[in-house]
PDB file of N, CA and C in Angstrom:
ATOM      1  N   VAL A   1      13.379  -2.195  14.106  1.00  0.00           N
ATOM      2  CA  VAL A   1      12.004  -2.643  14.171  1.00  0.00           C
ATOM      3  C   VAL A   1      12.011  -4.145  14.449  1.00  0.00           C
ATOM      4  N   SER A   2      11.247  -4.543  15.420  1.00  0.00           N
ATOM      5  CA  SER A   2      11.201  -5.954  15.778  1.00  0.00           C
ATOM      6  C   SER A   2      10.421  -6.742  14.729  1.00  0.00           C
ATOM      7  N   PRO A   3      10.698  -8.043  14.621  1.00  0.00           N
ATOM      8  CA  PRO A   3       9.956  -8.862  13.646  1.00  0.00           C
ATOM      9  C   PRO A   3       8.450  -8.853  13.900  1.00  0.00           C
ATOM     10  N   ALA A   4       8.069  -8.793  15.169  1.00  0.00           N
ATOM     11  CA  ALA A   4       6.633  -8.772  15.479  1.00  0.00           C
ATOM     12  C   ALA A   4       5.989  -7.487  14.965  1.00  0.00           C
ATOM     13  N   ALA A   5       6.685  -6.368  15.143  1.00  0.00           N
ATOM     14  CA  ALA A   5       6.142  -5.092  14.673  1.00  0.00           C
ATOM     15  C   ALA A   5       6.127  -5.029  13.153  1.00  0.00           C
ATOM     16  N   ALA A   6       7.112  -5.651  12.509  1.00  0.00           N
ATOM     17  CA  ALA A   6       7.163  -5.646  11.044  1.00  0.00           C
ATOM     18  C   ALA A   6       6.017  -6.461  10.451  1.00  0.00           C
ATOM     19  N   GLY A   7       5.548  -7.471  11.159  1.00  0.00           N
ATOM     20  CA  GLY A   7       4.473  -8.313  10.657  1.00  0.00           C
ATOM     21  C   GLY A   7       3.083  -7.761  10.903  1.00  0.00           C
ATOM     22  N   LEU A   8       2.969  -6.702  11.687  1.00  0.00           N
ATOM     23  CA  LEU A   8       1.649  -6.156  12.008  1.00  0.00           C
ATOM     24  C   LEU A   8       0.889  -5.647  10.788  1.00  0.00           C
ATOM     25  N   PRO A   9       1.512  -4.916   9.862  1.00  0.00           N
ATOM     26  CA  PRO A   9       0.743  -4.489   8.682  1.00  0.00           C
ATOM     27  C   PRO A   9       0.227  -5.669   7.860  1.00  0.00           C
ATOM     28  N   ALA A  10       1.025  -6.719   7.737  1.00  0.00           N
ATOM     29  CA  ALA A  10       0.578  -7.892   6.984  1.00  0.00           C
ATOM     30  C   ALA A  10      -0.586  -8.576   7.698  1.00  0.00           C
ATOM     31  N   LEU A  11      -0.505  -8.679   9.019  1.00  0.00           N
ATOM     32  CA  LEU A  11      -1.595  -9.283   9.791  1.00  0.00           C
ATOM     33  C   LEU A  11      -2.858  -8.441   9.667  1.00  0.00           C
ATOM     34  N   ARG A  12      -2.699  -7.131   9.732  1.00  0.00           N
ATOM     35  CA  ARG A  12      -3.847  -6.230   9.596  1.00  0.00           C
ATOM     36  C   ARG A  12      -4.508  -6.409   8.231  1.00  0.00           C
ATOM     37  N   ASP A  13      -3.696  -6.450   7.167  1.00  0.00           N
ATOM     38  CA  ASP A  13      -4.239  -6.642   5.818  1.00  0.00           C
ATOM     39  C   ASP A  13      -4.960  -7.974   5.700  1.00  0.00           C
ATOM     40  N   PHE A  14      -4.364  -9.029   6.274  1.00  0.00           N
ATOM     41  CA  PHE A  14      -4.998 -10.350   6.229  1.00  0.00           C
ATOM     42  C   PHE A  14      -6.342 -10.324   6.946  1.00  0.00           C
ATOM     43  N   LEU A  15      -6.381  -9.727   8.132  1.00  0.00           N
ATOM     44  CA  LEU A  15      -7.630  -9.699   8.893  1.00  0.00           C
ATOM     45  C   LEU A  15      -8.701  -8.863   8.195  1.00  0.00           C
ATOM     46  N   LEU A  16      -8.307  -7.766   7.567  1.00  0.00           N
ATOM     47  CA  LEU A  16      -9.283  -6.969   6.812  1.00  0.00           C
ATOM     48  C   LEU A  16      -9.846  -7.764   5.642  1.00  0.00           C
ATOM     49  N   LEU A  17      -8.970  -8.459   4.926  1.00  0.00           N
ATOM     50  CA  LEU A  17      -9.414  -9.287   3.805  1.00  0.00           C
ATOM     51  C   LEU A  17     -10.334 -10.403   4.289  1.00  0.00           C
ATOM     52  N   TYR A  18      -9.953 -11.062   5.378  1.00  0.00           N
ATOM     53  CA  TYR A  18     -10.764 -12.143   5.941  1.00  0.00           C
ATOM     54  C   TYR A  18     -12.140 -11.621   6.359  1.00  0.00           C
ATOM     55  N   ASN A  19     -12.181 -10.468   7.007  1.00  0.00           N
ATOM     56  CA  ASN A  19     -13.464  -9.906   7.442  1.00  0.00           C
ATOM     57  C   ASN A  19     -14.347  -9.529   6.259  1.00  0.00           C
ATOM     58  N   ARG A  20     -13.762  -8.941   5.217  1.00  0.00           N
ATOM     59  CA  ARG A  20     -14.552  -8.599   4.025  1.00  0.00           C
ATOM     60  C   ARG A  20     -15.094  -9.855   3.358  1.00  0.00           C
ATOM     61  N   MET A  21     -14.242 -10.880   3.252  1.00  0.00           N
ATOM     62  CA  MET A  21     -14.668 -12.126   2.628  1.00  0.00           C
ATOM     63  C   MET A  21     -15.802 -12.765   3.439  1.00  0.00           C
ATOM     64  N   THR A  22     -15.653 -12.783   4.754  1.00  0.00           N
ATOM     65  CA  THR A  22     -16.677 -13.364   5.621  1.00  0.00           C
ATOM     66  C   THR A  22     -18.000 -12.621   5.475  1.00  0.00           C
ATOM     67  N   GLU A  23     -17.942 -11.307   5.487  1.00  0.00           N
ATOM     68  CA  GLU A  23     -19.167 -10.514   5.361  1.00  0.00           C
ATOM     69  C   GLU A  23     -19.826 -10.718   4.002  1.00  0.00           C
ATOM     70  N   LEU A  24     -19.026 -10.711   2.948  1.00  0.00           N
ATOM     71  CA  LEU A  24     -19.566 -10.887   1.602  1.00  0.00           C
ATOM     72  C   LEU A  24     -20.256 -12.240   1.466  1.00  0.00           C
ATOM     73  N   CYS A  25     -19.566 -13.301   1.865  1.00  0.00           N
ATOM     74  CA  CYS A  25     -20.152 -14.639   1.727  1.00  0.00           C
ATOM     75  C   CYS A  25     -21.360 -14.817   2.646  1.00  0.00           C
ATOM     76  N   PHE A  26     -21.304 -14.267   3.849  1.00  0.00           N
ATOM     77  CA  PHE A  26     -22.441 -14.383   4.760  1.00  0.00           C
ATOM     78  C   PHE A  26     -23.666 -13.696   4.164  1.00  0.00           C
ATOM     79  N   CYS A  27     -23.477 -12.480   3.658  1.00  0.00           N
ATOM     80  CA  CYS A  27     -24.620 -11.745   3.090  1.00  0.00           C
ATOM     81  C   CYS A  27     -25.190 -12.439   1.858  1.00  0.00           C
ATOM     82  N   ARG A  28     -24.329 -13.068   1.067  1.00  0.00           N
ATOM     83  CA  ARG A  28     -24.797 -13.760  -0.135  1.00  0.00           C
ATOM     84  C   ARG A  28     -25.499 -15.073   0.177  1.00  0.00           C
ATOM     85  N   CYS A  29     -25.022 -15.785   1.185  1.00  0.00           N
ATOM     86  CA  CYS A  29     -25.432 -17.184   1.350  1.00  0.00           C
ATOM     87  C   CYS A  29     -26.412 -17.451   2.486  1.00  0.00           C
ATOM     88  N   VAL A  30     -26.375 -16.685   3.536  1.00  0.00           N
ATOM     89  CA  VAL A  30     -27.245 -16.969   4.682  1.00  0.00           C
ATOM     90  C   VAL A  30     -28.532 -16.187   4.493  1.00  0.00           C
ATOM     91  N   SER A  31     -29.603 -16.937   4.295  1.00  0.00           N
ATOM     92  CA  SER A  31     -30.881 -16.299   3.975  1.00  0.00           C
ATOM     93  C   SER A  31     -31.716 -15.984   5.208  1.00  0.00           C
ATOM     94  N   ASP A  32     -31.614 -16.794   6.241  1.00  0.00           N
ATOM     95  CA  ASP A  32     -32.366 -16.505   7.460  1.00  0.00           C
ATOM     96  C   ASP A  32     -31.590 -17.031   8.661  1.00  0.00           C
ATOM     97  N   LEU A  33     -31.909 -16.495   9.800  1.00  0.00           N
ATOM     98  CA  LEU A  33     -31.236 -16.893  11.040  1.00  0.00           C
ATOM     99  C   LEU A  33     -32.193 -17.655  11.957  1.00  0.00           C
ATOM    100  N   ASN A  34     -33.162 -18.345  11.357  1.00  0.00           N
ATOM    101  CA  ASN A  34     -34.150 -19.075  12.145  1.00  0.00           C
ATOM    102  C   ASN A  34     -33.628 -20.406  12.657  1.00  0.00           C
ATOM    103  N   HIS A  35     -32.530 -20.887  12.095  1.00  0.00           N
ATOM    104  CA  HIS A  35     -31.993 -22.187  12.501  1.00  0.00           C
ATOM    105  C   HIS A  35     -30.654 -21.995  13.195  1.00  0.00           C
ATOM    106  N   ARG A  36     -30.391 -22.873  14.127  1.00  0.00           N
ATOM    107  CA  ARG A  36     -29.134 -22.801  14.866  1.00  0.00           C
ATOM    108  C   ARG A  36     -27.953 -23.172  13.978  1.00  0.00           C
ATOM    109  N   LEU A  37     -28.136 -24.134  13.098  1.00  0.00           N
ATOM    110  CA  LEU A  37     -27.080 -24.596  12.201  1.00  0.00           C
ATOM    111  C   LEU A  37     -27.370 -24.127  10.780  1.00  0.00           C
ATOM    112  N   LEU A  38     -26.325 -24.126   9.970  1.00  0.00           N
ATOM    113  CA  LEU A  38     -26.501 -23.788   8.559  1.00  0.00           C
ATOM    114  C   LEU A  38     -27.286 -24.880   7.859  1.00  0.00           C
ATOM    115  N   THR A  39     -28.101 -24.487   6.912  1.00  0.00           N
ATOM    116  CA  THR A  39     -28.754 -25.488   6.074  1.00  0.00           C
ATOM    117  C   THR A  39     -27.713 -26.014   5.086  1.00  0.00           C
ATOM    118  N   ARG A  40     -28.011 -27.119   4.463  1.00  0.00           N
ATOM    119  CA  ARG A  40     -27.068 -27.695   3.496  1.00  0.00           C
ATOM    120  C   ARG A  40     -26.845 -26.728   2.329  1.00  0.00           C
ATOM    121  N   ARG A  41     -27.898 -26.068   1.914  1.00  0.00           N
ATOM    122  CA  ARG A  41     -27.797 -25.098   0.819  1.00  0.00           C
ATOM    123  C   ARG A  41     -26.878 -23.936   1.200  1.00  0.00           C
ATOM    124  N   GLU A  42     -27.045 -23.410   2.417  1.00  0.00           N
ATOM    125  CA  GLU A  42     -26.196 -22.314   2.881  1.00  0.00           C
ATOM    126  C   GLU A  42     -24.739 -22.751   3.003  1.00  0.00           C
ATOM    127  N   GLU A  43     -24.542 -23.952   3.505  1.00  0.00           N
ATOM    128  CA  GLU A  43     -23.185 -24.475   3.675  1.00  0.00           C
ATOM    129  C   GLU A  43     -22.475 -24.615   2.330  1.00  0.00           C
ATOM    130  N   LEU A  44     -23.175 -25.159   1.331  1.00  0.00           N
ATOM    131  CA  LEU A  44     -22.588 -25.287  -0.009  1.00  0.00           C
ATOM    132  C   LEU A  44     -22.279 -23.918  -0.605  1.00  0.00           C
ATOM    133  N   CYS A  45     -23.196 -22.990  -0.432  1.00  0.00           N
ATOM    134  CA  CYS A  45     -22.992 -21.639  -0.952  1.00  0.00           C
ATOM    135  C   CYS A  45     -21.762 -21.003  -0.309  1.00  0.00           C
ATOM    136  N   LEU A  46     -21.622 -21.143   1.003  1.00  0.00           N
ATOM    137  CA  LEU A  46     -20.474 -20.566   1.701  1.00  0.00           C
ATOM    138  C   LEU A  46     -19.163 -21.203   1.249  1.00  0.00           C
ATOM    139  N   GLU A  47     -19.160 -22.522   1.060  1.00  0.00           N
ATOM    140  CA  GLU A  47     -17.948 -23.204   0.585  1.00  0.00           C
ATOM    141  C   GLU A  47     -17.554 -22.706  -0.802  1.00  0.00           C
ATOM    142  N   ARG A  48     -18.544 -22.566  -1.671  1.00  0.00           N
ATOM    143  CA  ARG A  48     -18.258 -22.089  -3.029  1.00  0.00           C
ATOM    144  C   ARG A  48     -17.789 -20.635  -3.017  1.00  0.00           C
ATOM    145  N   CYS A  49     -18.459 -19.820  -2.243  1.00  0.00           N
ATOM    146  CA  CYS A  49     -18.116 -18.397  -2.172  1.00  0.00           C
ATOM    147  C   CYS A  49     -16.696 -18.216  -1.635  1.00  0.00           C
ATOM    148  N   ALA A  50     -16.389 -18.861  -0.526  1.00  0.00           N
ATOM    149  CA  ALA A  50     -15.055 -18.733   0.063  1.00  0.00           C
ATOM    150  C   ALA A  50     -13.995 -19.309  -0.870  1.00  0.00           C
ATOM    151  N   GLY A  51     -14.292 -20.449  -1.481  1.00  0.00           N
ATOM    152  CA  GLY A  51     -13.337 -21.050  -2.416  1.00  0.00           C
ATOM    153  C   GLY A  51     -13.061 -20.148  -3.604  1.00  0.00           C
ATOM    154  N   LYS A  52     -14.105 -19.539  -4.119  1.00  0.00           N
ATOM    155  CA  LYS A  52     -13.954 -18.631  -5.260  1.00  0.00           C
ATOM    156  C   LYS A  52     -13.074 -17.435  -4.892  1.00  0.00           C
ATOM    157  N   LEU A  53     -13.315 -16.848  -3.725  1.00  0.00           N
ATOM    158  CA  LEU A  53     -12.528 -15.696  -3.300  1.00  0.00           C
ATOM    159  C   LEU A  53     -11.075 -16.074  -3.009  1.00  0.00           C
ATOM    160  N   VAL A  54     -10.853 -17.241  -2.437  1.00  0.00           N
ATOM    161  CA  VAL A  54      -9.483 -17.691  -2.160  1.00  0.00           C
ATOM    162  C   VAL A  54      -8.737 -17.932  -3.468  1.00  0.00           C
ATOM    163  N   ARG A  55      -9.389 -18.578  -4.431  1.00  0.00           N
ATOM    164  CA  ARG A  55      -8.738 -18.810  -5.734  1.00  0.00           C
ATOM    165  C   ARG A  55      -8.425 -17.484  -6.429  1.00  0.00           C
ATOM    166  N   CYS A  56      -9.345 -16.548  -6.342  1.00  0.00           N
ATOM    167  CA  CYS A  56      -9.134 -15.228  -6.937  1.00  0.00           C
ATOM    168  C   CYS A  56      -7.941 -14.541  -6.274  1.00  0.00           C
ATOM    169  N   ASN A  57      -7.858 -14.621  -4.964  1.00  0.00           N
ATOM    170  CA  ASN A  57      -6.747 -14.017  -4.234  1.00  0.00           C
ATOM    171  C   ASN A  57      -5.416 -14.660  -4.641  1.00  0.00           C
ATOM    172  N   HIS A  58      -5.399 -15.979  -4.799  1.00  0.00           N
ATOM    173  CA  HIS A  58      -4.179 -16.675  -5.229  1.00  0.00           C
ATOM    174  C   HIS A  58      -3.751 -16.214  -6.617  1.00  0.00           C
ATOM    175  N   ARG A  59      -4.702 -16.057  -7.515  1.00  0.00           N
ATOM    176  CA  ARG A  59      -4.365 -15.601  -8.872  1.00  0.00           C
ATOM    177  C   ARG A  59      -3.811 -14.185  -8.850  1.00  0.00           C
ATOM    178  N   LEU A  60      -4.421 -13.320  -8.060  1.00  0.00           N
ATOM    179  CA  LEU A  60      -3.928 -11.948  -7.956  1.00  0.00           C
ATOM    180  C   LEU A  60      -2.518 -11.906  -7.370  1.00  0.00           C
ATOM    181  N   LEU A  61      -2.285 -12.691  -6.333  1.00  0.00           N
ATOM    182  CA  LEU A  61      -0.958 -12.714  -5.722  1.00  0.00           C
ATOM    183  C   LEU A  61       0.094 -13.258  -6.674  1.00  0.00           C
ATOM    184  N   SER A  62      -0.236 -14.294  -7.430  1.00  0.00           N
ATOM    185  CA  SER A  62       0.749 -14.840  -8.365  1.00  0.00           C
ATOM    186  C   SER A  62       1.043 -13.838  -9.479  1.00  0.00           C
ATOM    187  N   ALA A  63       0.043 -13.097  -9.930  1.00  0.00           N
ATOM    188  CA  ALA A  63       0.280 -12.055 -10.936  1.00  0.00           C
ATOM    189  C   ALA A  63       1.135 -10.937 -10.349  1.00  0.00           C
ATOM    190  N   TYR A  64       0.879 -10.578  -9.108  1.00  0.00           N
ATOM    191  CA  TYR A  64       1.663  -9.540  -8.438  1.00  0.00           C
ATOM    192  C   TYR A  64       3.120  -9.977  -8.300  1.00  0.00           C
ATOM    193  N   VAL A  65       3.338 -11.211  -7.890  1.00  0.00           N
ATOM    194  CA  VAL A  65       4.704 -11.727  -7.735  1.00  0.00           C
ATOM    195  C   VAL A  65       5.418 -11.749  -9.082  1.00  0.00           C
ATOM    196  N   ALA A  66       4.705 -12.082 -10.139  1.00  0.00           N
ATOM    197  CA  ALA A  66       5.318 -12.126 -11.467  1.00  0.00           C
ATOM    198  C   ALA A  66       5.668 -10.724 -11.969  1.00  0.00           C
ATOM    199  N   LEU A  67       4.836  -9.736 -11.659  1.00  0.00           N
ATOM    200  CA  LEU A  67       5.058  -8.374 -12.149  1.00  0.00           C
ATOM    201  C   LEU A  67       5.967  -7.536 -11.253  1.00  0.00           C
ATOM    202  N   MET A  68       6.115  -7.918 -10.008  1.00  0.00           N
ATOM    203  CA  MET A  68       6.845  -7.082  -9.058  1.00  0.00           C
ATOM    204  C   MET A  68       8.287  -6.796  -9.467  1.00  0.00           C
ATOM    205  N   PRO A  69       9.076  -7.751  -9.966  1.00  0.00           N
ATOM    206  CA  PRO A  69      10.459  -7.422 -10.349  1.00  0.00           C
ATOM    207  C   PRO A  69      10.539  -6.331 -11.417  1.00  0.00           C
ATOM    208  N   SER A  70       9.679  -6.393 -12.426  1.00  0.00           N
ATOM    209  CA  SER A  70       9.732  -5.365 -13.472  1.00  0.00           C
ATOM    210  C   SER A  70       9.283  -4.008 -12.938  1.00  0.00           C
ATOM    211  N   ILE A  71       8.319  -3.989 -12.039  1.00  0.00           N
ATOM    212  CA  ILE A  71       7.873  -2.730 -11.439  1.00  0.00           C
ATOM    213  C   ILE A  71       8.988  -2.129 -10.591  1.00  0.00           C
ATOM    214  N   ALA A  72       9.649  -2.961  -9.794  1.00  0.00           N
ATOM    215  CA  ALA A  72      10.744  -2.470  -8.956  1.00  0.00           C
ATOM    216  C   ALA A  72      11.894  -1.958  -9.813  1.00  0.00           C
ATOM    217  N   GLN A  73      12.181  -2.658 -10.899  1.00  0.00           N
ATOM    218  CA  GLN A  73      13.259  -2.238 -11.796  1.00  0.00           C
ATOM    219  C   GLN A  73      12.919  -0.885 -12.441  1.00  0.00           C
ATOM    220  N   ARG A  74      11.678  -0.715 -12.872  1.00  0.00           N
ATOM    221  CA  ARG A  74      11.252   0.538 -13.480  1.00  0.00           C
ATOM    222  C   ARG A  74      11.325   1.687 -12.476  1.00  0.00           C
ATOM    223  N   ARG A  75      10.910   1.438 -11.237  1.00  0.00           N
ATOM    224  CA  ARG A  75      10.977   2.480 -10.210  1.00  0.00           C
ATOM    225  C   ARG A  75      12.424   2.875  -9.925  1.00  0.00           C
ATOM    226  N   ALA A  76      13.317   1.880  -9.870  1.00  0.00           N
ATOM    227  CA  ALA A  76      14.733   2.173  -9.625  1.00  0.00           C
ATOM    228  C   ALA A  76      15.307   3.003 -10.765  1.00  0.00           C
ATOM    229  N   ALA A  77      14.961   2.668 -11.998  1.00  0.00           N
ATOM    230  CA  ALA A  77      15.448   3.426 -13.154  1.00  0.00           C
ATOM    231  C   ALA A  77      14.910   4.858 -13.126  1.00  0.00           C
ATOM    232  N   ASP A  78      13.644   5.026 -12.781  1.00  0.00           N
ATOM    233  CA  ASP A  78      13.062   6.370 -12.681  1.00  0.00           C
ATOM    234  C   ASP A  78      13.751   7.185 -11.590  1.00  0.00           C
ATOM    235  N   TYR A  79      14.031   6.537 -10.466  1.00  0.00           N
ATOM    236  CA  TYR A  79      14.702   7.225  -9.364  1.00  0.00           C
ATOM    237  C   TYR A  79      16.105   7.652  -9.775  1.00  0.00           C
ATOM    238  N   GLU A  80      16.836   6.757 -10.439  1.00  0.00           N
ATOM    239  CA  GLU A  80      18.193   7.084 -10.891  1.00  0.00           C
ATOM    240  C   GLU A  80      18.167   8.223 -11.907  1.00  0.00           C
ATOM    241  N   ALA A  81      17.197   8.216 -12.806  1.00  0.00           N
ATOM    242  CA  ALA A  81      17.086   9.278 -13.809  1.00  0.00           C
ATOM    243  C   ALA A  81      16.783  10.620 -13.152  1.00  0.00           C
ATOM    244  N   SER A  82      15.886  10.629 -12.174  1.00  0.00           N
ATOM    245  CA  SER A  82      15.564  11.894 -11.501  1.00  0.00           C
ATOM    246  C   SER A  82      16.747  12.385 -10.671  1.00  0.00           C
ATOM    247  N   ALA A  83      17.507  11.470 -10.078  1.00  0.00           N
ATOM    248  CA  ALA A  83      18.699  11.872  -9.328  1.00  0.00           C
ATOM    249  C   ALA A  83      19.747  12.446 -10.271  1.00  0.00           C
ATOM    250  N   ALA A  84      19.901  11.852 -11.456  1.00  0.00           N
ATOM    251  CA  ALA A  84      20.863  12.357 -12.436  1.00  0.00           C
ATOM    252  C   ALA A  84      20.447  13.741 -12.931  1.00  0.00           C
ATOM    253  N   ARG A  85      19.148  13.942 -13.169  1.00  0.00           N
ATOM    254  CA  ARG A  85      18.664  15.260 -13.598  1.00  0.00           C
ATOM    255  C   ARG A  85      18.911  16.308 -12.516  1.00  0.00           C
ATOM    256  N   ALA A  86      18.731  15.921 -11.264  1.00  0.00           N
ATOM    257  CA  ALA A  86      18.937  16.865 -10.166  1.00  0.00           C
ATOM    258  C   ALA A  86      20.406  17.267 -10.068  1.00  0.00           C
ATOM    259  N   GLN A  87      21.313  16.343 -10.342  1.00  0.00           N
ATOM    260  CA  GLN A  87      22.743  16.666 -10.292  1.00  0.00           C
ATOM    261  C   GLN A  87      23.156  17.521 -11.482  1.00  0.00           C
ATOM    262  N   GLU A  88      22.553  17.299 -12.635  1.00  0.00           N
ATOM    263  CA  GLU A  88      22.916  18.035 -13.842  1.00  0.00           C
ATOM    264  C   GLU A  88      22.370  19.456 -13.836  1.00  0.00           C
ATOM    265  N   ALA A  89      21.281  19.692 -13.156  1.00  0.00           N
ATOM    266  CA  ALA A  89      20.670  21.025 -13.143  1.00  0.00           C
ATOM    267  C   ALA A  89      21.634  21.996 -12.478  1.00  0.00           C
ATOM    268  N   PRO A  90      21.906  23.131 -13.141  1.00  0.00           N
ATOM    269  CA  PRO A  90      22.839  24.092 -12.536  1.00  0.00           C
ATOM    270  C   PRO A  90      22.228  24.693 -11.277  1.00  0.00           C
ATOM    271  N   ALA A  91      23.100  24.936 -10.320  1.00  0.00           N
ATOM    272  CA  ALA A  91      22.628  25.537  -9.076  1.00  0.00           C
ATOM    273  C   ALA A  91      22.250  26.987  -9.357  1.00  0.00           C
ATOM    274  N   ALA A  92      21.263  27.486  -8.675  1.00  0.00           N
ATOM    275  CA  ALA A  92      20.828  28.874  -8.856  1.00  0.00           C
ATOM    276  C   ALA A  92      21.956  29.795  -8.415  1.00  0.00           C
ATOM    277  N   PRO A  93      22.240  30.850  -9.201  1.00  0.00           N
ATOM    278  CA  PRO A  93      23.334  31.751  -8.813  1.00  0.00           C
ATOM    279  C   PRO A  93      23.020  32.412  -7.484  1.00  0.00           C
ATOM    280  N   ALA A  94      24.061  32.562  -6.689  1.00  0.00           N
ATOM    281  CA  ALA A  94      23.877  33.160  -5.370  1.00  0.00           C
ATOM    282  C   ALA A  94      23.608  34.645  -5.537  1.00  0.00           C
ATOM    283  N   ALA A  95      22.660  35.167  -4.813  1.00  0.00           N
ATOM    284  CA  ALA A  95      22.321  36.591  -4.871  1.00  0.00           C
ATOM    285  C   ALA A  95      23.413  37.375  -4.156  1.00  0.00           C
ATOM    286  N   PRO A  96      23.761  38.542  -4.686  1.00  0.00           N
ATOM    287  CA  PRO A  96      24.780  39.350  -4.002  1.00  0.00           C
ATOM    288  C   PRO A  96      24.278  39.758  -2.629  1.00  0.00           C
ATOM    289  N   ASP A  97      25.219  39.964  -1.736  1.00  0.00           N
ATOM    290  CA  ASP A  97      24.871  40.332  -0.367  1.00  0.00           C
ATOM    291  C   ASP A  97      24.194  41.693  -0.384  1.00  0.00           C
ATOM    292  N   ALA A  98      23.002  41.769   0.094  1.00  0.00           N
ATOM    293  CA  ALA A  98      22.225  43.005   0.052  1.00  0.00           C
ATOM    294  C   ALA A  98      22.298  43.775   1.359  1.00  0.00           C
ATOM    295  N   SER A  99      23.229  43.433   2.232  1.00  0.00           N
ATOM    296  CA  SER A  99      23.316  44.151   3.503  1.00  0.00           C
ATOM    297  C   SER A  99      23.875  45.549   3.257  1.00  0.00           C
ATOM    298  N   PRO A 100      23.407  46.530   3.989  1.00  0.00           N
ATOM    299  CA  PRO A 100      23.863  47.909   3.761  1.00  0.00           C
ATOM    300  C   PRO A 100      25.344  48.060   4.105  1.00  0.00           C
ATOM    301  N   ALA A 101      25.981  48.940   3.378  1.00  0.00           N
ATOM    302  CA  ALA A 101      27.398  49.209   3.644  1.00  0.00           C
ATOM    303  C   ALA A 101      27.518  49.913   4.985  1.00  0.00           C
ATOM    304  N   PRO A 102      28.562  49.587   5.706  1.00  0.00           N
ATOM    305  CA  PRO A 102      28.697  50.237   7.012  1.00  0.00           C
ATOM    306  C   PRO A 102      28.913  51.738   6.841  1.00  0.00           C
ATOM    307  N   GLY A 103      28.203  52.483   7.595  1.00  0.00           N
ATOM    308  CA  GLY A 103      28.313  53.941   7.540  1.00  0.00           C
ATOM    309  C   GLY A 103      29.107  54.458   8.734  1.00  0.00           C
ATOM    310  N   PRO A 104      29.188  55.736   8.836  1.00  0.00           N
ATOM    311  CA  PRO A 104      29.927  56.294   9.968  1.00  0.00           C
ATOM    312  C   PRO A 104      29.217  55.998  11.278  1.00  0.00           C
ATOM    313  N   VAL A 105      29.988  55.762  12.282  1.00  0.00           N
ATOM    314  CA  VAL A 105      29.442  55.480  13.602  1.00  0.00           C
ATOM    315  C   VAL A 105      29.300  56.803  14.331  1.00  0.00           C
ATOM    316  N   LEU A 106      28.111  57.033  14.856  1.00  0.00           N
ATOM    317  CA  LEU A 106      27.858  58.279  15.573  1.00  0.00           C
ATOM    318  C   LEU A 106      28.039  58.052  17.062  1.00  0.00           C
ATOM    319  N   ALA A 107      28.781  58.893  17.671  1.00  0.00           N
ATOM    320  CA  ALA A 107      28.964  58.799  19.115  1.00  0.00           C
ATOM    321  C   ALA A 107      27.973  59.718  19.792  1.00  0.00           C
ATOM    322  N   VAL A 108      27.438  59.306  20.871  1.00  0.00           N
ATOM    323  CA  VAL A 108      26.455  60.110  21.574  1.00  0.00           C
ATOM    324  C   VAL A 108      27.067  60.701  22.795  1.00  0.00           C
TER     325      VAL A 108
END
């Protein structure tokens, strides 16, 4: 897999997050579209809204980074335990061959 292809899911996630943030802040802060430029009130609201969401995202990411090693370790332990159980489980006994015994061959 090329590095460009490996980065596509991350880019997609970033763009989805950016679009949701933009839509949320726009709907909260822009009250009318009668003016070509943002009013000072709308501009302040957008700065606060975007800043709040960015800070929230940073906090979530730092918590994720802090918890990820323990989650990965737990998953590895669970995988090893399930693999050990699979090896310990006795194999099902093979069924006897149920093919009919060869009978006399009839010549025509």
